[in-house]
C-alpha atoms as a PDB file:
ATOM      1  CA  MET A   1     -12.958 -17.269  -2.645  1.00  0.00           C
ATOM      2  CA  LYS A   2     -14.409 -18.255   1.649  1.00  0.00           C
ATOM      3  CA  LYS A   3     -13.613 -14.257   2.446  1.00  0.00           C
ATOM      4  CA  LEU A   4     -15.813 -13.070  -0.432  1.00  0.00           C
ATOM      5  CA  ALA A   5     -18.531 -15.619   0.657  1.00  0.00           C
ATOM      6  CA  ILE A   6     -18.448 -14.183   4.357  1.00  0.00           C
ATOM      7  CA  SER A   7     -18.058 -10.888   2.883  1.00  0.00           C
ATOM      8  CA  CYS A   8     -20.413 -11.155   0.726  1.00  0.00           C
ATOM      9  CA  LEU A   9     -23.434 -12.418   3.921  1.00  0.00           C
ATOM     10  CA  ALA A  10     -22.162  -9.840   5.767  1.00  0.00           C
ATOM     11  CA  MET A  11     -22.981  -7.396   3.917  1.00  0.00           C
ATOM     12  CA  THR A  12     -26.446  -9.038   3.167  1.00  0.00           C
ATOM     13  CA  LEU A  13     -26.781  -9.422   6.574  1.00  0.00           C
ATOM     14  CA  SER A  14     -26.124  -5.305   7.884  1.00  0.00           C
ATOM     15  CA  PHE A  15     -29.123  -4.903   4.480  1.00  0.00           C
ATOM     16  CA  ALA A  16     -31.609  -7.356   6.154  1.00  0.00           C
ATOM     17  CA  ALA A  17     -31.294  -5.215   9.319  1.00  0.00           C
ATOM     18  CA  ILE A  18     -32.083  -1.778   7.823  1.00  0.00           C
ATOM     19  CA  ALA A  19     -35.327  -3.350   6.219  1.00  0.00           C
ATOM     20  CA  GLY A  20     -37.456  -0.661   7.471  1.00  0.00           C
ATOM     21  CA  ASP A  21     -41.868  -0.281   7.281  1.00  0.00           C
ATOM     22  CA  PRO A  22     -42.721   1.876   4.198  1.00  0.00           C
ATOM     23  CA  VAL A  23     -45.985   2.509   5.780  1.00  0.00           C
ATOM     24  CA  ALA A  24     -44.657   3.861   8.764  1.00  0.00           C
ATOM     25  CA  GLY A  25     -42.412   5.248   7.429  1.00  0.00           C
ATOM     26  CA  LYS A  26     -44.614   7.336   5.034  1.00  0.00           C
ATOM     27  CA  ALA A  27     -46.341   8.818   8.745  1.00  0.00           C
ATOM     28  CA  LYS A  28     -43.467   9.547  10.356  1.00  0.00           C
ATOM     29  CA  SER A  29     -42.086  11.803   7.232  1.00  0.00           C
ATOM     30  CA  MET A  30     -45.350  14.574   7.456  1.00  0.00           C
ATOM     31  CA  THR A  31     -41.936  16.270   8.927  1.00  0.00           C
ATOM     32  CA  CYS A  32     -39.580  16.064   6.462  1.00  0.00           C
ATOM     33  CA  ALA A  33     -41.991  17.312   4.161  1.00  0.00           C
ATOM     34  CA  GLY A  34     -41.149  21.128   4.695  1.00  0.00           C
ATOM     35  CA  CYS A  35     -38.326  21.194   2.880  1.00  0.00           C
ATOM     36  CA  HIS A  36     -37.196  17.484   1.043  1.00  0.00           C
ATOM     37  CA  GLY A  37     -40.805  17.644  -0.309  1.00  0.00           C
ATOM     38  CA  ILE A  38     -43.908  15.890   0.482  1.00  0.00           C
ATOM     39  CA  ASN A  39     -42.908  12.882  -1.908  1.00  0.00           C
ATOM     40  CA  GLY A  40     -39.552  13.443  -1.437  1.00  0.00           C
ATOM     41  CA  ILE A  41     -38.906  15.894  -4.374  1.00  0.00           C
ATOM     42  CA  SER A  42     -37.624  18.555  -2.837  1.00  0.00           C
ATOM     43  CA  ASN A  43     -39.061  21.963  -4.057  1.00  0.00           C
ATOM     44  CA  ASN A  44     -35.978  24.071  -2.972  1.00  0.00           C
ATOM     45  CA  GLY A  45     -32.035  23.363  -4.410  1.00  0.00           C
ATOM     46  CA  MET A  46     -30.811  23.862  -0.645  1.00  0.00           C
ATOM     47  CA  TRP A  47     -32.272  20.393   0.581  1.00  0.00           C
ATOM     48  CA  PRO A  48     -32.241  17.083  -1.127  1.00  0.00           C
ATOM     49  CA  ASN A  49     -34.170  14.951  -2.569  1.00  0.00           C
ATOM     50  CA  LEU A  50     -34.980  11.943  -0.261  1.00  0.00           C
ATOM     51  CA  ALA A  51     -37.164  10.182  -2.742  1.00  0.00           C
ATOM     52  CA  GLY A  52     -34.912   6.831  -4.624  1.00  0.00           C
ATOM     53  CA  GLN A  53     -32.481   7.581  -2.068  1.00  0.00           C
ATOM     54  CA  LYS A  54     -30.814   4.360  -0.635  1.00  0.00           C
ATOM     55  CA  ALA A  55     -32.019   2.733   1.918  1.00  0.00           C
ATOM     56  CA  PRO A  56     -28.179   1.976   4.145  1.00  0.00           C
ATOM     57  CA  TYR A  57     -26.934   5.537   3.403  1.00  0.00           C
ATOM     58  CA  LEU A  58     -30.578   7.239   3.867  1.00  0.00           C
ATOM     59  CA  VAL A  59     -29.878   5.653   7.255  1.00  0.00           C
ATOM     60  CA  SER A  60     -26.839   6.408   7.874  1.00  0.00           C
ATOM     61  CA  GLN A  61     -26.764  10.150   6.571  1.00  0.00           C
ATOM     62  CA  LEU A  62     -29.820   9.857  10.014  1.00  0.00           C
ATOM     63  CA  LYS A  63     -28.190   8.040  12.033  1.00  0.00           C
ATOM     64  CA  GLN A  64     -24.600  10.553  11.465  1.00  0.00           C
ATOM     65  CA  PHE A  65     -26.827  13.797  12.403  1.00  0.00           C
ATOM     66  CA  ARG A  66     -28.407  11.736  15.380  1.00  0.00           C
ATOM     67  CA  ASP A  67     -25.973  11.295  16.821  1.00  0.00           C
ATOM     68  CA  GLY A  68     -23.831  14.303  16.522  1.00  0.00           C
ATOM     69  CA  GLN A  69     -20.780  13.485  14.271  1.00  0.00           C
ATOM     70  CA  ARG A  70     -22.656  15.092  11.234  1.00  0.00           C
ATOM     71  CA  ASN A  71     -23.740  18.991  12.188  1.00  0.00           C
ATOM     72  CA  ASN A  72     -26.161  21.083  10.764  1.00  0.00           C
ATOM     73  CA  ALA A  73     -28.920  22.745  12.409  1.00  0.00           C
ATOM     74  CA  MET A  74     -31.589  21.762  11.487  1.00  0.00           C
ATOM     75  CA  MET A  75     -31.194  18.184  10.770  1.00  0.00           C
ATOM     76  CA  THR A  76     -29.463  17.679  14.092  1.00  0.00           C
ATOM     77  CA  ALA A  77     -33.224  18.977  15.583  1.00  0.00           C
ATOM     78  CA  MET A  78     -35.593  16.644  13.498  1.00  0.00           C
ATOM     79  CA  ALA A  79     -32.435  13.792  13.626  1.00  0.00           C
ATOM     80  CA  GLN A  80     -32.421  13.848  18.100  1.00  0.00           C
ATOM     81  CA  GLY A  81     -35.809  12.265  18.916  1.00  0.00           C
ATOM     82  CA  LEU A  82     -35.676   9.511  15.712  1.00  0.00           C
ATOM     83  CA  SER A  83     -35.150   5.766  17.064  1.00  0.00           C
ATOM     84  CA  ASP A  84     -33.414   3.859  15.175  1.00  0.00           C
ATOM     85  CA  ALA A  85     -36.559   1.485  13.739  1.00  0.00           C
ATOM     86  CA  ASP A  86     -38.120   5.529  12.461  1.00  0.00           C
ATOM     87  CA  ILE A  87     -35.008   6.397  10.800  1.00  0.00           C
ATOM     88  CA  ASP A  88     -34.880   2.130   8.826  1.00  0.00           C
ATOM     89  CA  ASN A  89     -38.565   3.106   8.183  1.00  0.00           C
ATOM     90  CA  LEU A  90     -37.384   6.314   6.927  1.00  0.00           C
ATOM     91  CA  ALA A  91     -35.176   5.346   4.995  1.00  0.00           C
ATOM     92  CA  ALA A  92     -37.337   1.872   3.738  1.00  0.00           C
ATOM     93  CA  TYR A  93     -40.142   4.781   2.883  1.00  0.00           C
ATOM     94  CA  TYR A  94     -37.661   6.954   1.065  1.00  0.00           C
ATOM     95  CA  ALA A  95     -35.770   4.269  -1.423  1.00  0.00           C
ATOM     96  CA  SER A  96     -39.526   3.193  -1.954  1.00  0.00           C
ATOM     97  CA  LEU A  97     -39.950   6.095  -3.911  1.00  0.00           C
ATOM     98  CA  LYS A  98     -38.454   6.604  -7.518  1.00  0.00           C
END
């Protein structure tokens, strides 16, 4: 039981650490709109919709692109200039969309 409580606490803290500012994320998202759509809904099947994705997933993917753990020439180039705060804000914005 103690291990379960510790695991739940760790998950809660990691999700809380991702809490970004959706307003700042929206402002930063204009560079994403060309491929992923103005409201996070892509008009092209080649690029995924970002609207409604879970923030921890978006944070993970963007950091993997930025840090070279996931390779895509376009996304790596786009993510390289993002700070952790930028990524948290973008994730908060896209997660807030339905």
